[in-house]
Amino acid sequence: MSQVELNRDNIIPFLADIFNRLGADSYLGEEVSMSEHMLQSAFKAEQAEESDATITAALLHDIGHYTGEFPENYIELGVDNQHETMGSAILERFFPAEVYEPVRWHVEAKRYLCAVEPEYFSGLSDASVKTLELQGGPLDHNQVKEFEKNPHLDAIVRVRRYDDGGKLAGVLTPDIGHYLDIAQSVLDENTEN
């Protein structure tokens, strides 16, 4: 389905196809698969009674891992795959800023939290520590001040925390259909506006 021209009618089936075909792929050495991670992130957001847009952002925050052609061992090769930029570029064509902005900035949020919360770094998984280095490490003082100007800062940081919490083996979550129904409702509402 990757050669299909994406539009509002096929973006949800396209996302479903990605989850069904590739979701069982390993997730950067974590104890969960990519789909388990993304579902757990959405589940955390849903448990926190977030908006449908934030739940959708939590679900799709790593969808950009599937939009590029990078070798599976890109971390070992010292390559940052820029998945946040690629994922948000696709999503912003269809979803509101409340979805694509947290996706676009969730990596920067990790760098931000490492800079402003000294204890945050110690809670990162080994894989997140490795990718942090590739992504530029903690933000410096000027970068922190600039990042704090983002009008979506609160949602971005919350999605980052759901991302961090979505890496536990054996967590039961609703299936992808449940969350894609939520994403569809966000898409439908965005189309009406």
Protein backbone atom coordinates (compact mmCIF):
# COMPACT_ATOMS: atom_id res chain seq x y z
CA MET A 1 0.00 0.00 0.00
CA SER A 2 3.04 2.29 0.20
CA GLN A 3 2.74 3.34 -3.47
CA VAL A 4 -0.84 4.61 -3.01
CA GLU A 5 -1.48 8.35 -3.22
CA LEU A 6 -2.69 9.16 0.29
CA ASN A 7 -5.91 11.08 0.80
CA ARG A 8 -8.54 11.54 3.51
CA ASP A 9 -10.37 8.41 2.38
CA ASN A 10 -7.42 6.04 2.59
CA ILE A 11 -5.14 7.41 5.33
CA ILE A 12 -6.78 5.32 8.08
CA PRO A 13 -6.64 2.08 6.03
CA PHE A 14 -3.02 2.99 5.18
CA LEU A 15 -2.19 3.30 8.88
CA ALA A 16 -4.02 0.03 9.63
CA ASP A 17 -1.97 -1.66 6.92
CA ILE A 18 1.28 -0.44 8.49
CA PHE A 19 0.27 -1.76 11.90
CA ASN A 20 -0.87 -5.09 10.48
CA ARG A 21 2.18 -5.68 8.28
CA LEU A 22 4.97 -4.09 10.29
CA GLY A 23 3.74 -3.60 13.84
CA ALA A 24 5.37 -6.77 15.12
CA ASP A 25 8.80 -5.40 14.18
CA SER A 26 11.19 -4.90 17.04
CA TYR A 27 11.28 -1.48 18.63
CA LEU A 28 14.90 -0.36 18.84
CA GLY A 29 15.85 -3.12 21.26
CA GLU A 30 12.99 -2.46 23.66
CA GLU A 31 11.07 -5.32 25.30
CA VAL A 32 8.00 -4.55 23.17
CA SER A 33 7.25 -4.51 19.46
CA MET A 34 6.63 -1.26 17.64
CA SER A 35 2.85 -1.79 17.65
CA GLU A 36 2.84 -2.73 21.36
CA HIS A 37 4.73 0.47 22.09
CA MET A 38 2.41 2.68 20.08
CA LEU A 39 -0.72 1.01 21.48
CA GLN A 40 0.59 1.34 25.04
CA SER A 41 1.33 5.03 24.46
CA ALA A 42 -2.23 5.59 23.22
CA PHE A 43 -3.61 3.54 26.11
CA LYS A 44 -1.70 5.70 28.62
CA ALA A 45 -3.20 8.81 27.02
CA GLU A 46 -6.67 7.31 27.05
CA GLN A 47 -6.32 6.32 30.72
CA ALA A 48 -5.36 9.93 31.47
CA GLU A 49 -8.62 11.02 29.79
CA GLU A 50 -6.83 12.99 27.12
CA SER A 51 -8.63 14.40 24.08
CA ASP A 52 -9.08 12.18 21.03
CA ALA A 53 -6.43 14.27 19.25
CA THR A 54 -3.86 13.65 21.99
CA ILE A 55 -4.69 9.93 22.07
CA THR A 56 -4.18 9.87 18.30
CA ALA A 57 -0.86 11.72 18.62
CA ALA A 58 0.28 9.20 21.25
CA LEU A 59 -0.71 6.33 18.95
CA LEU A 60 1.01 7.76 15.87
CA HIS A 61 4.04 9.48 17.41
CA ASP A 62 6.43 6.89 15.94
CA ILE A 63 4.69 6.28 12.61
CA GLY A 64 7.60 8.03 10.88
CA HIS A 65 9.76 4.98 11.55
CA TYR A 66 7.85 3.42 8.66
CA THR A 67 8.16 6.25 6.16
CA GLY A 68 11.88 6.04 5.42
CA GLU A 69 14.20 3.42 4.06
CA PHE A 70 16.76 2.97 6.80
CA PRO A 71 18.61 -0.20 7.72
CA GLU A 72 17.34 -1.88 10.91
CA ASN A 73 20.69 -1.23 12.60
CA TYR A 74 20.68 2.52 11.92
CA ILE A 75 21.32 3.30 15.61
CA GLU A 76 24.50 1.21 15.59
CA LEU A 77 25.50 3.00 12.40
CA GLY A 78 25.10 6.36 14.14
CA VAL A 79 22.15 7.53 12.02
CA ASP A 80 19.20 9.53 13.32
CA ASN A 81 16.27 8.56 11.10
CA GLN A 82 14.35 11.82 11.73
CA HIS A 83 11.16 9.78 12.20
CA GLU A 84 9.42 12.65 13.99
CA THR A 85 9.76 14.94 10.97
CA MET A 86 8.74 12.30 8.45
CA GLY A 87 5.73 11.16 10.49
CA SER A 88 4.42 14.66 11.13
CA ALA A 89 4.82 15.60 7.45
CA ILE A 90 2.37 12.86 6.49
CA LEU A 91 -0.04 13.48 9.36
CA GLU A 92 -0.32 17.24 8.92
CA ARG A 93 -1.97 16.71 5.54
CA PHE A 94 -4.96 15.14 7.28
CA PHE A 95 -5.00 15.82 11.01
CA PRO A 96 -5.14 18.98 13.13
CA ALA A 97 -2.10 20.50 14.81
CA GLU A 98 -3.11 18.83 18.08
CA VAL A 99 -2.06 15.55 16.44
CA TYR A 100 0.90 16.39 14.24
CA GLU A 101 2.66 18.93 16.48
CA PRO A 102 3.23 16.44 19.35
CA VAL A 103 4.44 13.94 16.75
CA ARG A 104 6.80 16.52 15.22
CA TRP A 105 8.26 17.56 18.58
CA HIS A 106 8.24 14.38 20.72
CA VAL A 107 11.98 13.81 20.18
CA GLU A 108 12.77 17.41 21.03
CA ALA A 109 10.61 16.97 24.14
CA LYS A 110 12.92 14.19 25.33
CA ARG A 111 15.89 16.51 24.87
CA TYR A 112 13.93 19.28 26.64
CA LEU A 113 12.96 17.12 29.62
CA CYS A 114 16.56 15.93 30.01
CA ALA A 115 17.57 19.59 30.27
CA VAL A 116 14.87 20.83 32.67
CA GLU A 117 14.26 17.76 34.86
CA PRO A 118 17.53 16.25 36.08
CA GLU A 119 15.77 13.05 37.21
CA TYR A 120 14.15 12.49 33.81
CA PHE A 121 17.30 11.07 32.19
CA SER A 122 17.60 8.31 34.79
CA GLY A 123 14.15 7.01 33.80
CA LEU A 124 14.98 6.63 30.11
CA SER A 125 15.28 3.15 28.63
CA ASP A 126 18.66 2.07 27.27
CA ALA A 127 17.40 2.53 23.71
CA SER A 128 16.17 6.06 24.50
CA VAL A 129 19.56 6.94 25.95
CA LYS A 130 21.26 5.72 22.76
CA THR A 131 18.91 7.65 20.50
CA LEU A 132 19.22 10.77 22.69
CA GLU A 133 22.88 10.93 21.78
CA LEU A 134 22.08 10.65 18.06
CA GLN A 135 19.38 13.31 18.42
CA GLY A 136 21.75 15.90 19.88
CA GLY A 137 21.60 15.28 23.63
CA PRO A 138 19.85 17.56 26.12
CA LEU A 139 18.88 21.02 24.90
CA ASP A 140 21.08 23.91 25.95
CA HIS A 141 19.69 26.94 27.80
CA ASN A 142 18.86 28.90 24.64
CA GLN A 143 17.23 25.87 23.01
CA VAL A 144 15.11 25.33 26.14
CA LYS A 145 13.87 28.91 26.03
CA GLU A 146 13.03 28.61 22.34
CA PHE A 147 11.26 25.27 22.80
CA GLU A 148 9.14 26.70 25.61
CA LYS A 149 7.64 29.18 23.13
CA ASN A 150 5.85 26.36 21.29
CA PRO A 151 2.09 26.87 21.74
CA HIS A 152 1.61 23.08 21.93
CA LEU A 153 4.29 22.57 24.60
CA ASP A 154 2.01 20.99 27.22
CA ALA A 155 0.54 18.41 24.83
CA ILE A 156 3.98 17.69 23.35
CA VAL A 157 5.44 16.95 26.78
CA ARG A 158 2.46 14.79 27.76
CA VAL A 159 2.76 12.73 24.56
CA ARG A 160 6.49 12.35 25.30
CA ARG A 161 5.66 10.96 28.74
CA TYR A 162 3.14 8.52 27.24
CA ASP A 163 5.88 7.48 24.81
CA ASP A 164 8.26 6.85 27.72
CA GLY A 165 5.61 4.86 29.58
CA GLY A 166 4.72 2.65 26.62
CA LYS A 167 7.60 0.21 26.79
CA LEU A 168 6.50 -2.51 29.19
CA ALA A 169 6.19 -6.14 28.13
CA GLY A 170 2.86 -7.85 28.70
CA VAL A 171 0.58 -4.81 29.01
CA LEU A 172 -2.91 -5.48 27.68
CA THR A 173 -4.39 -2.67 25.59
CA PRO A 174 -7.34 -2.24 23.27
CA ASP A 175 -6.51 -3.30 19.72
CA ILE A 176 -5.49 -1.07 16.84
CA GLY A 177 -9.06 -0.93 15.54
CA HIS A 178 -10.18 0.85 18.70
CA TYR A 179 -7.53 3.55 18.33
CA LEU A 180 -7.96 3.93 14.59
CA ASP A 181 -11.67 4.55 15.23
CA ILE A 182 -10.59 7.41 17.50
CA ALA A 183 -8.19 8.65 14.81
CA GLN A 184 -11.02 8.47 12.27
CA SER A 185 -13.21 10.67 14.46
CA VAL A 186 -10.39 13.23 14.74
CA LEU A 187 -9.93 13.09 10.96
CA ASP A 188 -13.66 13.52 10.37
CA GLU A 189 -13.84 16.50 12.72
CA ASN A 190 -10.80 18.08 11.07
CA THR A 191 -12.40 17.63 7.64
CA GLU A 192 -15.54 19.44 8.81
CA ASN A 193 -13.56 22.46 10.06
